[in-house]
């Protein structure tokens, strides 16, 4: 019986609610590993998870048996519960609604990996808003400014 063979690479970007700088250096690596574990636990391939104090990038090898929206929902719900359970932030931690998702070819894996790995260096030159709007324009994604993240500049 023939099988289903796919190769889908997606970069997902999502932000902390209110775009607050709540992801602290002392626990960000543990959070990134936890998010990678959520992805792997859903039978998907975590290629790299990294980010800044106010947002996350996750590069994923996606199997079509799972809807991307379900995976992102589970990542955000489970990681919020993890952060709150650890009491890493004062009050209740949560992610903003929505996310960006951008697809890549196999030949782009190395470049996207390096881009996500070097987030701190990248954001010395460009704000998250500039980065995100650039993704939307580069991938020709139509958008309405009213429904983008809450920006803090």
C-alpha atoms as a PDB file:
ATOM      1  CA  UNK A   1       0.000   0.000   0.000  1.00  0.00           C
ATOM      2  CA  UNK A   2       1.441   3.405  -0.929  1.00  0.00           C
ATOM      3  CA  UNK A   3       2.306   5.769   1.903  1.00  0.00           C
ATOM      4  CA  UNK A   4       2.181   9.518   2.301  1.00  0.00           C
ATOM      5  CA  UNK A   5       5.517  11.293   2.036  1.00  0.00           C
ATOM      6  CA  UNK A   6       5.911  14.964   2.849  1.00  0.00           C
ATOM      7  CA  UNK A   7       8.522  17.574   3.565  1.00  0.00           C
ATOM      8  CA  UNK A   8       7.001  20.719   5.063  1.00  0.00           C
ATOM      9  CA  UNK A   9       9.117  23.268   6.933  1.00  0.00           C
ATOM     10  CA  UNK A  10       7.374  26.055   8.847  1.00  0.00           C
ATOM     11  CA  UNK A  11       8.712  28.916  10.944  1.00  0.00           C
ATOM     12  CA  UNK A  12       6.195  30.002  13.584  1.00  0.00           C
ATOM     13  CA  UNK A  13       6.500  33.367  15.334  1.00  0.00           C
ATOM     14  CA  UNK A  14       4.414  34.428  18.338  1.00  0.00           C
ATOM     15  CA  UNK A  15       4.675  37.093  21.028  1.00  0.00           C
ATOM     16  CA  UNK A  16       4.249  37.522  24.768  1.00  0.00           C
ATOM     17  CA  UNK A  17       0.913  39.147  25.649  1.00  0.00           C
ATOM     18  CA  UNK A  18       1.287  42.918  25.698  1.00  0.00           C
ATOM     19  CA  UNK A  19       4.715  42.408  24.092  1.00  0.00           C
ATOM     20  CA  UNK A  20       6.242  42.535  27.563  1.00  0.00           C
ATOM     21  CA  UNK A  21       9.867  41.446  27.970  1.00  0.00           C
ATOM     22  CA  UNK A  22       9.006  38.565  30.289  1.00  0.00           C
ATOM     23  CA  UNK A  23      11.201  35.746  28.948  1.00  0.00           C
ATOM     24  CA  UNK A  24      14.251  36.046  31.200  1.00  0.00           C
ATOM     25  CA  UNK A  25      17.760  34.961  30.193  1.00  0.00           C
ATOM     26  CA  UNK A  26      18.094  32.674  33.210  1.00  0.00           C
ATOM     27  CA  UNK A  27      15.203  30.417  32.101  1.00  0.00           C
ATOM     28  CA  UNK A  28      14.802  31.007  28.365  1.00  0.00           C
ATOM     29  CA  UNK A  29      16.851  27.912  27.407  1.00  0.00           C
ATOM     30  CA  UNK A  30      14.654  25.723  29.612  1.00  0.00           C
ATOM     31  CA  UNK A  31      11.548  27.246  28.002  1.00  0.00           C
ATOM     32  CA  UNK A  32      12.923  26.682  24.492  1.00  0.00           C
ATOM     33  CA  UNK A  33      13.686  23.030  25.329  1.00  0.00           C
ATOM     34  CA  UNK A  34      10.202  22.637  26.781  1.00  0.00           C
ATOM     35  CA  UNK A  35       8.617  24.060  23.608  1.00  0.00           C
ATOM     36  CA  UNK A  36      10.782  21.724  21.490  1.00  0.00           C
ATOM     37  CA  UNK A  37       9.514  18.867  23.683  1.00  0.00           C
ATOM     38  CA  UNK A  38       5.896  19.872  23.046  1.00  0.00           C
ATOM     39  CA  UNK A  39       6.569  19.838  19.293  1.00  0.00           C
ATOM     40  CA  UNK A  40       8.282  16.435  19.470  1.00  0.00           C
ATOM     41  CA  UNK A  41       5.520  15.083  21.740  1.00  0.00           C
ATOM     42  CA  UNK A  42       3.008  15.932  18.999  1.00  0.00           C
ATOM     43  CA  UNK A  43       5.041  13.781  16.564  1.00  0.00           C
ATOM     44  CA  UNK A  44       6.452  16.819  14.767  1.00  0.00           C
ATOM     45  CA  UNK A  45      10.117  17.720  14.237  1.00  0.00           C
ATOM     46  CA  UNK A  46      11.525  20.634  16.274  1.00  0.00           C
ATOM     47  CA  UNK A  47      14.431  22.007  14.231  1.00  0.00           C
ATOM     48  CA  UNK A  48      15.194  25.028  16.451  1.00  0.00           C
ATOM     49  CA  UNK A  49      13.371  27.130  19.033  1.00  0.00           C
ATOM     50  CA  UNK A  50      14.805  30.498  20.031  1.00  0.00           C
ATOM     51  CA  UNK A  51      13.656  34.036  20.585  1.00  0.00           C
ATOM     52  CA  UNK A  52      13.866  37.248  22.485  1.00  0.00           C
ATOM     53  CA  UNK A  53      12.393  38.395  25.815  1.00  0.00           C
ATOM     54  CA  UNK A  54       9.120  39.298  24.039  1.00  0.00           C
ATOM     55  CA  UNK A  55       8.709  36.687  21.281  1.00  0.00           C
ATOM     56  CA  UNK A  56       9.521  33.159  20.097  1.00  0.00           C
ATOM     57  CA  UNK A  57      10.578  31.636  16.772  1.00  0.00           C
ATOM     58  CA  UNK A  58      10.036  27.898  16.297  1.00  0.00           C
ATOM     59  CA  UNK A  59      11.223  26.162  13.116  1.00  0.00           C
ATOM     60  CA  UNK A  60       9.289  22.946  12.635  1.00  0.00           C
ATOM     61  CA  UNK A  61       9.257  19.987  10.281  1.00  0.00           C
ATOM     62  CA  UNK A  62       5.481  19.574  10.054  1.00  0.00           C
ATOM     63  CA  UNK A  63       3.688  16.325   9.314  1.00  0.00           C
ATOM     64  CA  UNK A  64       0.341  16.929   7.594  1.00  0.00           C
ATOM     65  CA  UNK A  65      -1.581  14.715  10.040  1.00  0.00           C
ATOM     66  CA  UNK A  66      -1.650  17.679  12.446  1.00  0.00           C
ATOM     67  CA  UNK A  67      -3.132  21.074  11.720  1.00  0.00           C
ATOM     68  CA  UNK A  68      -0.622  23.857  12.299  1.00  0.00           C
ATOM     69  CA  UNK A  69      -3.218  25.854  14.247  1.00  0.00           C
ATOM     70  CA  UNK A  70      -3.680  22.921  16.664  1.00  0.00           C
ATOM     71  CA  UNK A  71       0.072  22.592  17.148  1.00  0.00           C
ATOM     72  CA  UNK A  72       0.538  26.320  17.855  1.00  0.00           C
ATOM     73  CA  UNK A  73      -2.448  26.290  20.235  1.00  0.00           C
ATOM     74  CA  UNK A  74      -0.883  23.380  22.142  1.00  0.00           C
ATOM     75  CA  UNK A  75       2.562  25.015  22.213  1.00  0.00           C
ATOM     76  CA  UNK A  76       1.149  28.257  23.584  1.00  0.00           C
ATOM     77  CA  UNK A  77      -1.222  26.635  26.110  1.00  0.00           C
ATOM     78  CA  UNK A  78       1.295  24.124  27.443  1.00  0.00           C
ATOM     79  CA  UNK A  79       4.207  26.570  27.599  1.00  0.00           C
ATOM     80  CA  UNK A  80       2.053  29.192  29.381  1.00  0.00           C
ATOM     81  CA  UNK A  81       1.082  26.582  31.964  1.00  0.00           C
ATOM     82  CA  UNK A  82       4.743  25.571  32.297  1.00  0.00           C
ATOM     83  CA  UNK A  83       5.889  29.173  32.893  1.00  0.00           C
ATOM     84  CA  UNK A  84       3.058  29.822  35.352  1.00  0.00           C
ATOM     85  CA  UNK A  85       3.732  26.545  37.159  1.00  0.00           C
ATOM     86  CA  UNK A  86       7.382  27.542  37.601  1.00  0.00           C
ATOM     87  CA  UNK A  87       6.286  30.988  38.854  1.00  0.00           C
ATOM     88  CA  UNK A  88       8.917  32.609  36.643  1.00  0.00           C
ATOM     89  CA  UNK A  89       6.879  35.793  36.247  1.00  0.00           C
ATOM     90  CA  UNK A  90       4.862  37.888  38.634  1.00  0.00           C
ATOM     91  CA  UNK A  91       1.186  37.524  37.866  1.00  0.00           C
ATOM     92  CA  UNK A  92      -0.121  35.339  35.068  1.00  0.00           C
ATOM     93  CA  UNK A  93       1.947  34.731  31.933  1.00  0.00           C
ATOM     94  CA  UNK A  94       0.233  34.351  28.571  1.00  0.00           C
ATOM     95  CA  UNK A  95       0.966  34.677  24.880  1.00  0.00           C
ATOM     96  CA  UNK A  96      -0.768  37.169  22.583  1.00  0.00           C
ATOM     97  CA  UNK A  97      -3.460  35.797  20.332  1.00  0.00           C
ATOM     98  CA  UNK A  98      -2.382  34.884  16.850  1.00  0.00           C
ATOM     99  CA  UNK A  99       0.900  33.932  15.245  1.00  0.00           C
ATOM    100  CA  UNK A 100       2.795  34.127  11.996  1.00  0.00           C
ATOM    101  CA  UNK A 101       3.680  30.992  10.025  1.00  0.00           C
ATOM    102  CA  UNK A 102       6.030  30.980   7.056  1.00  0.00           C
ATOM    103  CA  UNK A 103       7.010  28.038   4.857  1.00  0.00           C
ATOM    104  CA  UNK A 104      10.446  27.172   3.502  1.00  0.00           C
ATOM    105  CA  UNK A 105      12.034  24.714   1.113  1.00  0.00           C
ATOM    106  CA  UNK A 106      14.561  22.078   2.126  1.00  0.00           C
ATOM    107  CA  UNK A 107      17.389  24.176   0.635  1.00  0.00           C
ATOM    108  CA  UNK A 108      16.562  27.017   3.068  1.00  0.00           C
ATOM    109  CA  UNK A 109      16.809  24.990   6.293  1.00  0.00           C
ATOM    110  CA  UNK A 110      20.372  26.051   7.123  1.00  0.00           C
ATOM    111  CA  UNK A 111      19.697  29.757   6.512  1.00  0.00           C
ATOM    112  CA  UNK A 112      16.503  29.758   8.595  1.00  0.00           C
ATOM    113  CA  UNK A 113      18.233  27.799  11.379  1.00  0.00           C
ATOM    114  CA  UNK A 114      21.063  30.368  11.517  1.00  0.00           C
ATOM    115  CA  UNK A 115      18.583  33.255  11.412  1.00  0.00           C
ATOM    116  CA  UNK A 116      16.670  31.890  14.402  1.00  0.00           C
ATOM    117  CA  UNK A 117      19.865  30.953  16.257  1.00  0.00           C
ATOM    118  CA  UNK A 118      21.169  34.536  15.962  1.00  0.00           C
ATOM    119  CA  UNK A 119      18.062  36.386  17.163  1.00  0.00           C
ATOM    120  CA  UNK A 120      19.902  38.610  19.663  1.00  0.00           C
ATOM    121  CA  UNK A 121      22.366  39.804  17.033  1.00  0.00           C
ATOM    122  CA  UNK A 122      19.580  40.287  14.495  1.00  0.00           C
ATOM    123  CA  UNK A 123      17.486  42.393  16.882  1.00  0.00           C
ATOM    124  CA  UNK A 124      20.311  44.818  17.542  1.00  0.00           C
ATOM    125  CA  UNK A 125      19.548  46.145  14.044  1.00  0.00           C
ATOM    126  CA  UNK A 126      15.808  45.523  13.651  1.00  0.00           C
ATOM    127  CA  UNK A 127      12.794  45.707  15.970  1.00  0.00           C
ATOM    128  CA  UNK A 128      10.333  42.842  16.270  1.00  0.00           C
ATOM    129  CA  UNK A 129       7.764  44.953  14.444  1.00  0.00           C
ATOM    130  CA  UNK A 130      10.166  45.553  11.532  1.00  0.00           C
ATOM    131  CA  UNK A 131      11.062  41.864  11.481  1.00  0.00           C
ATOM    132  CA  UNK A 132       7.449  40.690  11.508  1.00  0.00           C
ATOM    133  CA  UNK A 133       6.225  43.172   8.885  1.00  0.00           C
ATOM    134  CA  UNK A 134       9.188  42.154   6.731  1.00  0.00           C
ATOM    135  CA  UNK A 135       8.077  38.493   6.948  1.00  0.00           C
ATOM    136  CA  UNK A 136       4.550  39.437   5.921  1.00  0.00           C
ATOM    137  CA  UNK A 137       5.798  41.448   2.952  1.00  0.00           C
ATOM    138  CA  UNK A 138       8.463  38.923   1.917  1.00  0.00           C
ATOM    139  CA  UNK A 139       5.917  36.084   1.911  1.00  0.00           C
ATOM    140  CA  UNK A 140       3.230  38.272   0.293  1.00  0.00           C
ATOM    141  CA  UNK A 141       0.800  37.722   3.188  1.00  0.00           C
ATOM    142  CA  UNK A 142      -2.151  40.130   3.123  1.00  0.00           C
ATOM    143  CA  UNK A 143      -2.849  41.654   6.532  1.00  0.00           C
ATOM    144  CA  UNK A 144      -4.881  44.301   8.291  1.00  0.00           C
ATOM    145  CA  UNK A 145      -2.913  46.489  10.749  1.00  0.00           C
ATOM    146  CA  UNK A 146      -5.792  46.227  13.232  1.00  0.00           C
ATOM    147  CA  UNK A 147      -5.161  42.505  13.658  1.00  0.00           C
ATOM    148  CA  UNK A 148      -1.401  42.492  14.117  1.00  0.00           C
ATOM    149  CA  UNK A 149       0.322  42.081  17.482  1.00  0.00           C
ATOM    150  CA  UNK A 150       0.139  44.835  20.073  1.00  0.00           C
ATOM    151  CA  UNK A 151       3.331  46.733  19.296  1.00  0.00           C
ATOM    152  CA  UNK A 152       5.646  48.220  21.878  1.00  0.00           C
ATOM    153  CA  UNK A 153       8.238  50.450  20.256  1.00  0.00           C
END
